[in-house]
Amino acid sequence: MLDYLRRQGSTALRLVVLGAGTVISISCGDDSTSLATAGGTIQVEAVTEGSDFDGDGYVAGLNSQTVAVGNLDTVWFTDVEPGNYEVALTGIAENCTTEGNPRPVEVVPVDTVVALFTVTCDVPPPPPGGGGENSL
């Protein structure tokens, strides 16, 4: 094949060599840009302690996205762009508390960051006026 190309002239040979170089450079491309733009995952865990747990669970929020999360549950926000965010846990009953809410997280490409919320619940106080049969 090279003998044929040599007989046809140096222009044809240059085109074949240039074409081969192009194929090689395309097949040896660098994938680092795809990793830099890949999203990460935020794992939100809710652990409830104490007594009289919140019966309907909570809502985990990230920007405008929300997802229901149970008392002892884990949910995920996937394909999140790299950057700094705040994850919030809402829908917490009045007799329950959690510290560090919302919680800051940093998302990096192709990795999972965990936001753990420990919710502590106490027995709720009696309603005003005692709530018993002899209430006035």
N, C-alpha and C. Protein backbone atom coordinates (compact mmCIF):
# COMPACT_ATOMS: atom_id res chain seq x y z
N MET A 1 0.82 -1.19 0.00
CA MET A 1 0.00 0.00 0.00
C MET A 1 0.87 1.25 0.00
N LEU A 2 1.96 1.25 0.80
CA LEU A 2 2.84 2.41 0.83
C LEU A 2 3.52 2.63 -0.52
N ASP A 3 3.89 1.52 -1.21
CA ASP A 3 4.49 1.66 -2.54
C ASP A 3 3.52 2.35 -3.48
N TYR A 4 2.24 1.99 -3.42
CA TYR A 4 1.23 2.60 -4.28
C TYR A 4 1.13 4.10 -3.98
N LEU A 5 1.13 4.44 -2.70
CA LEU A 5 1.03 5.85 -2.32
C LEU A 5 2.25 6.64 -2.75
N ARG A 6 3.43 6.04 -2.65
CA ARG A 6 4.66 6.71 -3.08
C ARG A 6 4.60 7.01 -4.57
N ARG A 7 4.04 6.06 -5.34
CA ARG A 7 3.93 6.27 -6.79
C ARG A 7 2.92 7.37 -7.11
N GLN A 8 1.89 7.52 -6.29
CA GLN A 8 0.85 8.52 -6.54
C GLN A 8 1.32 9.93 -6.18
N GLY A 9 2.31 10.02 -5.40
CA GLY A 9 2.83 11.34 -5.04
C GLY A 9 2.82 11.55 -3.54
N SER A 10 3.59 12.51 -3.12
CA SER A 10 3.74 12.76 -1.69
C SER A 10 2.47 13.33 -1.06
N THR A 11 1.59 13.95 -1.85
CA THR A 11 0.36 14.51 -1.28
C THR A 11 -0.53 13.43 -0.72
N ALA A 12 -0.70 12.33 -1.46
CA ALA A 12 -1.54 11.23 -0.98
C ALA A 12 -0.95 10.62 0.28
N LEU A 13 0.36 10.47 0.33
CA LEU A 13 1.01 9.90 1.51
C LEU A 13 0.81 10.81 2.72
N ARG A 14 0.92 12.13 2.52
CA ARG A 14 0.71 13.06 3.62
C ARG A 14 -0.72 12.99 4.16
N LEU A 15 -1.69 12.82 3.29
CA LEU A 15 -3.07 12.71 3.73
C LEU A 15 -3.29 11.47 4.58
N VAL A 16 -2.70 10.35 4.18
CA VAL A 16 -2.84 9.12 4.96
C VAL A 16 -2.17 9.28 6.32
N VAL A 17 -0.96 9.84 6.35
CA VAL A 17 -0.25 10.04 7.61
C VAL A 17 -1.01 11.03 8.50
N LEU A 18 -1.51 12.12 7.91
CA LEU A 18 -2.28 13.08 8.67
C LEU A 18 -3.55 12.45 9.22
N GLY A 19 -4.22 11.64 8.41
CA GLY A 19 -5.44 10.95 8.85
C GLY A 19 -5.14 9.99 9.99
N ALA A 20 -4.05 9.27 9.92
CA ALA A 20 -3.69 8.34 10.99
C ALA A 20 -3.39 9.10 12.28
N GLY A 21 -2.72 10.24 12.16
CA GLY A 21 -2.43 11.04 13.35
C GLY A 21 -3.70 11.57 14.00
N THR A 22 -4.66 11.93 13.18
CA THR A 22 -5.92 12.43 13.72
C THR A 22 -6.66 11.33 14.46
N VAL A 23 -6.70 10.15 13.90
CA VAL A 23 -7.37 9.02 14.54
C VAL A 23 -6.71 8.72 15.87
N ILE A 24 -5.40 8.74 15.90
CA ILE A 24 -4.68 8.44 17.13
C ILE A 24 -4.98 9.50 18.19
N SER A 25 -4.99 10.77 17.81
CA SER A 25 -5.24 11.80 18.82
C SER A 25 -6.67 11.75 19.33
N ILE A 26 -7.60 11.36 18.50
CA ILE A 26 -8.98 11.24 18.96
C ILE A 26 -9.12 10.06 19.90
N SER A 27 -8.51 8.96 19.58
CA SER A 27 -8.66 7.77 20.42
C SER A 27 -7.89 7.89 21.72
N CYS A 28 -6.94 8.81 21.81
CA CYS A 28 -6.16 8.98 23.03
C CYS A 28 -6.59 10.22 23.79
N GLY A 29 -7.83 10.63 23.66
CA GLY A 29 -8.32 11.84 24.31
C GLY A 29 -8.25 11.75 25.82
N ASP A 30 -8.24 12.89 26.46
CA ASP A 30 -8.15 12.99 27.91
C ASP A 30 -9.56 13.09 28.49
N ASP A 31 -9.89 12.22 29.42
CA ASP A 31 -11.22 12.20 30.02
C ASP A 31 -11.31 13.03 31.30
N SER A 32 -10.30 13.81 31.64
CA SER A 32 -10.31 14.54 32.90
C SER A 32 -11.44 15.57 32.96
N THR A 33 -11.84 16.11 31.82
CA THR A 33 -12.93 17.09 31.85
C THR A 33 -14.24 16.44 32.22
N SER A 34 -14.46 15.20 31.83
CA SER A 34 -15.72 14.55 32.18
C SER A 34 -15.79 14.27 33.68
N LEU A 35 -14.67 13.98 34.32
CA LEU A 35 -14.67 13.77 35.77
C LEU A 35 -14.92 15.08 36.51
N ALA A 36 -14.38 16.17 35.99
CA ALA A 36 -14.54 17.46 36.66
C ALA A 36 -15.99 17.94 36.62
N THR A 37 -16.74 17.53 35.61
CA THR A 37 -18.12 17.98 35.49
C THR A 37 -19.11 16.95 36.02
N ALA A 38 -18.61 15.79 36.47
CA ALA A 38 -19.50 14.76 37.00
C ALA A 38 -20.05 15.20 38.35
N GLY A 39 -21.28 14.81 38.62
CA GLY A 39 -21.92 15.19 39.88
C GLY A 39 -21.54 14.28 41.03
N GLY A 40 -21.84 14.74 42.21
CA GLY A 40 -21.63 13.95 43.41
C GLY A 40 -22.97 13.59 44.03
N THR A 41 -22.91 12.95 45.19
CA THR A 41 -24.12 12.50 45.88
C THR A 41 -24.11 13.02 47.31
N ILE A 42 -25.28 13.45 47.78
CA ILE A 42 -25.46 13.83 49.18
C ILE A 42 -26.36 12.78 49.81
N GLN A 43 -25.83 12.10 50.83
CA GLN A 43 -26.58 11.10 51.58
C GLN A 43 -27.09 11.76 52.86
N VAL A 44 -28.40 11.75 53.05
CA VAL A 44 -29.01 12.36 54.24
C VAL A 44 -29.53 11.24 55.12
N GLU A 45 -29.03 11.21 56.37
CA GLU A 45 -29.47 10.20 57.33
C GLU A 45 -30.20 10.89 58.48
N ALA A 46 -31.35 10.34 58.85
CA ALA A 46 -32.10 10.84 60.00
C ALA A 46 -32.15 9.73 61.05
N VAL A 47 -31.61 10.03 62.22
CA VAL A 47 -31.62 9.09 63.34
C VAL A 47 -32.40 9.75 64.47
N THR A 48 -33.45 9.09 64.92
CA THR A 48 -34.30 9.67 65.97
C THR A 48 -34.06 8.92 67.28
N GLU A 49 -33.85 9.71 68.34
CA GLU A 49 -33.61 9.15 69.68
C GLU A 49 -34.66 9.69 70.64
N GLY A 50 -34.79 9.04 71.79
CA GLY A 50 -35.69 9.51 72.83
C GLY A 50 -37.01 8.77 72.80
N SER A 51 -38.05 9.47 73.20
CA SER A 51 -39.38 8.85 73.25
C SER A 51 -40.36 9.70 72.45
N ASP A 52 -41.47 9.11 72.14
CA ASP A 52 -42.53 9.77 71.38
C ASP A 52 -42.00 10.35 70.07
N PHE A 53 -41.49 9.43 69.23
CA PHE A 53 -40.94 9.80 67.92
C PHE A 53 -41.94 10.57 67.09
N ASP A 54 -41.42 11.36 66.18
CA ASP A 54 -42.24 12.08 65.21
C ASP A 54 -42.86 11.05 64.26
N GLY A 55 -44.17 10.89 64.31
CA GLY A 55 -44.85 9.82 63.58
C GLY A 55 -44.81 9.91 62.08
N ASP A 56 -44.76 11.12 61.53
CA ASP A 56 -44.80 11.24 60.08
C ASP A 56 -43.43 11.47 59.45
N GLY A 57 -42.37 11.37 60.23
CA GLY A 57 -41.03 11.53 59.68
C GLY A 57 -40.72 12.98 59.37
N TYR A 58 -39.79 13.18 58.45
CA TYR A 58 -39.26 14.51 58.17
C TYR A 58 -39.21 14.73 56.66
N VAL A 59 -38.70 15.91 56.30
CA VAL A 59 -38.46 16.24 54.90
C VAL A 59 -37.03 16.74 54.79
N ALA A 60 -36.23 16.09 53.94
CA ALA A 60 -34.87 16.55 53.66
C ALA A 60 -34.93 17.48 52.47
N GLY A 61 -34.25 18.62 52.58
CA GLY A 61 -34.30 19.61 51.51
C GLY A 61 -32.92 20.04 51.06
N LEU A 62 -32.78 20.16 49.74
CA LEU A 62 -31.56 20.67 49.11
C LEU A 62 -32.01 21.61 48.00
N ASN A 63 -31.73 22.90 48.18
CA ASN A 63 -32.22 23.92 47.24
C ASN A 63 -33.73 23.77 47.11
N SER A 64 -34.24 23.57 45.92
CA SER A 64 -35.69 23.45 45.75
C SER A 64 -36.15 21.99 45.74
N GLN A 65 -35.23 21.05 45.92
CA GLN A 65 -35.59 19.63 45.94
C GLN A 65 -35.90 19.18 47.36
N THR A 66 -36.96 18.38 47.52
CA THR A 66 -37.28 17.82 48.82
C THR A 66 -37.63 16.35 48.66
N VAL A 67 -37.38 15.60 49.72
CA VAL A 67 -37.71 14.18 49.73
C VAL A 67 -38.06 13.77 51.16
N ALA A 68 -39.08 12.93 51.30
CA ALA A 68 -39.50 12.45 52.62
C ALA A 68 -38.45 11.49 53.17
N VAL A 69 -38.19 11.60 54.47
CA VAL A 69 -37.24 10.71 55.13
C VAL A 69 -37.86 10.28 56.46
N GLY A 70 -37.79 8.99 56.75
CA GLY A 70 -38.36 8.44 57.97
C GLY A 70 -37.51 8.71 59.20
N ASN A 71 -38.00 8.23 60.35
CA ASN A 71 -37.31 8.44 61.62
C ASN A 71 -35.93 7.80 61.68
N LEU A 72 -35.77 6.66 61.10
CA LEU A 72 -34.48 5.96 61.04
C LEU A 72 -34.26 5.59 59.58
N ASP A 73 -34.00 6.59 58.76
CA ASP A 73 -34.01 6.38 57.32
C ASP A 73 -32.84 7.12 56.67
N THR A 74 -32.55 6.73 55.42
CA THR A 74 -31.51 7.36 54.62
C THR A 74 -32.08 7.64 53.24
N VAL A 75 -31.81 8.84 52.72
CA VAL A 75 -32.19 9.21 51.36
C VAL A 75 -30.98 9.84 50.68
N TRP A 76 -31.04 9.93 49.35
CA TRP A 76 -29.92 10.45 48.58
C TRP A 76 -30.38 11.51 47.59
N PHE A 77 -29.56 12.54 47.44
CA PHE A 77 -29.68 13.49 46.34
C PHE A 77 -28.51 13.15 45.41
N THR A 78 -28.82 12.72 44.19
CA THR A 78 -27.77 12.26 43.28
C THR A 78 -27.52 13.27 42.17
N ASP A 79 -26.36 13.11 41.54
CA ASP A 79 -25.94 13.94 40.41
C ASP A 79 -25.99 15.43 40.75
N VAL A 80 -25.49 15.76 41.94
CA VAL A 80 -25.45 17.14 42.41
C VAL A 80 -24.15 17.78 41.89
N GLU A 81 -24.27 18.96 41.31
CA GLU A 81 -23.09 19.65 40.79
C GLU A 81 -22.12 19.94 41.93
N PRO A 82 -20.81 19.83 41.68
CA PRO A 82 -19.83 20.13 42.72
C PRO A 82 -20.01 21.55 43.26
N GLY A 83 -19.83 21.70 44.56
CA GLY A 83 -19.96 23.01 45.20
C GLY A 83 -20.38 22.88 46.65
N ASN A 84 -20.64 24.01 47.27
CA ASN A 84 -21.05 24.06 48.68
C ASN A 84 -22.56 24.25 48.76
N TYR A 85 -23.20 23.48 49.65
CA TYR A 85 -24.65 23.50 49.79
C TYR A 85 -25.02 23.45 51.26
N GLU A 86 -26.30 23.71 51.52
CA GLU A 86 -26.88 23.50 52.85
C GLU A 86 -28.02 22.51 52.71
N VAL A 87 -27.98 21.47 53.55
CA VAL A 87 -29.04 20.47 53.59
C VAL A 87 -29.86 20.74 54.85
N ALA A 88 -31.17 20.79 54.69
CA ALA A 88 -32.05 21.07 55.83
C ALA A 88 -32.96 19.89 56.10
N LEU A 89 -33.30 19.72 57.37
CA LEU A 89 -34.29 18.72 57.78
C LEU A 89 -35.46 19.49 58.37
N THR A 90 -36.63 19.37 57.76
CA THR A 90 -37.81 20.10 58.21
C THR A 90 -38.91 19.11 58.56
N GLY A 91 -40.02 19.64 59.05
CA GLY A 91 -41.14 18.78 59.44
C GLY A 91 -40.90 18.10 60.77
N ILE A 92 -40.06 18.71 61.61
CA ILE A 92 -39.72 18.14 62.91
C ILE A 92 -40.81 18.53 63.92
N ALA A 93 -41.32 17.55 64.64
CA ALA A 93 -42.39 17.80 65.61
C ALA A 93 -41.92 18.75 66.71
N GLU A 94 -42.86 19.42 67.37
CA GLU A 94 -42.53 20.40 68.40
C GLU A 94 -41.79 19.79 69.59
N ASN A 95 -42.00 18.51 69.86
CA ASN A 95 -41.33 17.88 71.00
C ASN A 95 -39.96 17.31 70.62
N CYS A 96 -39.51 17.59 69.40
CA CYS A 96 -38.22 17.06 68.92
C CYS A 96 -37.29 18.21 68.54
N THR A 97 -35.99 17.98 68.69
CA THR A 97 -34.99 18.98 68.33
C THR A 97 -33.83 18.32 67.60
N THR A 98 -33.12 19.11 66.83
CA THR A 98 -31.88 18.67 66.20
C THR A 98 -30.93 19.86 66.13
N GLU A 99 -29.65 19.61 66.26
CA GLU A 99 -28.66 20.68 66.22
C GLU A 99 -28.02 20.73 64.84
N GLY A 100 -27.53 21.91 64.48
CA GLY A 100 -26.83 22.06 63.21
C GLY A 100 -27.75 21.90 62.02
N ASN A 101 -28.86 22.59 62.04
CA ASN A 101 -29.84 22.47 60.97
C ASN A 101 -30.18 23.87 60.48
N PRO A 102 -29.88 24.20 59.23
CA PRO A 102 -29.37 23.33 58.17
C PRO A 102 -27.88 23.03 58.36
N ARG A 103 -27.43 22.03 57.63
CA ARG A 103 -26.07 21.53 57.75
C ARG A 103 -25.31 21.80 56.45
N PRO A 104 -24.11 22.43 56.52
CA PRO A 104 -23.32 22.67 55.30
C PRO A 104 -22.64 21.39 54.82
N VAL A 105 -22.61 21.22 53.50
CA VAL A 105 -21.90 20.08 52.89
C VAL A 105 -21.16 20.58 51.66
N GLU A 106 -20.06 19.91 51.35
CA GLU A 106 -19.31 20.20 50.13
C GLU A 106 -19.37 18.99 49.22
N VAL A 107 -19.89 19.17 48.02
CA VAL A 107 -20.01 18.10 47.04
C VAL A 107 -18.81 18.15 46.12
N VAL A 108 -18.16 16.99 45.95
CA VAL A 108 -17.05 16.86 45.01
C VAL A 108 -17.45 15.83 43.96
N PRO A 109 -16.84 15.89 42.77
CA PRO A 109 -17.23 14.97 41.69
C PRO A 109 -17.09 13.51 42.09
N VAL A 110 -18.04 12.72 41.70
CA VAL A 110 -18.04 11.26 41.83
C VAL A 110 -17.74 10.82 43.26
N ASP A 111 -18.33 11.48 44.24
CA ASP A 111 -18.12 11.11 45.64
C ASP A 111 -19.43 11.32 46.39
N THR A 112 -19.51 10.74 47.59
CA THR A 112 -20.71 10.87 48.42
C THR A 112 -20.34 11.55 49.72
N VAL A 113 -21.09 12.59 50.08
CA VAL A 113 -20.91 13.27 51.35
C VAL A 113 -22.15 12.97 52.19
N VAL A 114 -21.94 12.75 53.50
CA VAL A 114 -23.04 12.36 54.39
C VAL A 114 -23.43 13.54 55.27
N ALA A 115 -24.74 13.79 55.34
CA ALA A 115 -25.31 14.77 56.27
C ALA A 115 -26.15 13.97 57.26
N LEU A 116 -25.63 13.81 58.49
CA LEU A 116 -26.31 13.03 59.52
C LEU A 116 -27.05 13.98 60.46
N PHE A 117 -28.35 13.76 60.60
CA PHE A 117 -29.17 14.53 61.52
C PHE A 117 -29.63 13.61 62.64
N THR A 118 -29.24 13.93 63.88
CA THR A 118 -29.74 13.20 65.04
C THR A 118 -30.85 14.04 65.66
N VAL A 119 -32.05 13.48 65.66
CA VAL A 119 -33.22 14.17 66.18
C VAL A 119 -33.55 13.55 67.54
N THR A 120 -33.66 14.39 68.56
CA THR A 120 -33.99 13.92 69.91
C THR A 120 -35.41 14.36 70.25
N CYS A 121 -36.22 13.38 70.63
CA CYS A 121 -37.63 13.65 70.95
C CYS A 121 -37.90 13.35 72.43
N ASP A 122 -38.68 14.21 73.06
CA ASP A 122 -39.12 14.04 74.44
C ASP A 122 -40.63 13.89 74.45
N VAL A 123 -41.16 13.41 75.58
CA VAL A 123 -42.61 13.32 75.73
C VAL A 123 -43.16 14.75 75.67
N PRO A 124 -44.15 15.00 74.83
CA PRO A 124 -44.67 16.37 74.74
C PRO A 124 -45.38 16.78 76.02
N PRO A 125 -45.36 18.07 76.33
CA PRO A 125 -46.05 18.54 77.54
C PRO A 125 -47.56 18.38 77.36
N PRO A 126 -48.28 18.31 78.49
CA PRO A 126 -49.74 18.20 78.38
C PRO A 126 -50.31 19.48 77.76
N PRO A 127 -51.47 19.37 77.15
CA PRO A 127 -52.07 20.56 76.54
C PRO A 127 -52.42 21.59 77.60
N PRO A 128 -52.55 22.86 77.23
CA PRO A 128 -52.91 23.90 78.20
C PRO A 128 -54.23 23.57 78.90
N GLY A 129 -54.31 23.86 80.17
CA GLY A 129 -55.51 23.58 80.94
C GLY A 129 -55.54 22.16 81.46
N GLY A 130 -54.48 21.41 81.31
CA GLY A 130 -54.41 20.06 81.85
C GLY A 130 -55.00 19.01 80.95
N GLY A 131 -56.03 19.31 80.21
CA GLY A 131 -56.60 18.36 79.27
C GLY A 131 -57.32 17.20 79.90
N GLY A 132 -57.48 17.17 81.22
CA GLY A 132 -58.16 16.05 81.87
C GLY A 132 -59.66 16.26 81.94
N GLU A 133 -60.36 15.30 82.54
CA GLU A 133 -61.82 15.37 82.63
C GLU A 133 -62.29 16.51 83.53
N ASN A 134 -61.48 16.87 84.52
CA ASN A 134 -61.90 17.90 85.48
C ASN A 134 -61.46 19.30 85.07
N SER A 135 -61.09 19.50 83.82
CA SER A 135 -60.65 20.82 83.38
C SER A 135 -61.80 21.80 83.37
N LEU A 136 -61.49 23.05 83.69
CA LEU A 136 -62.53 24.08 83.70
C LEU A 136 -62.68 24.70 82.36
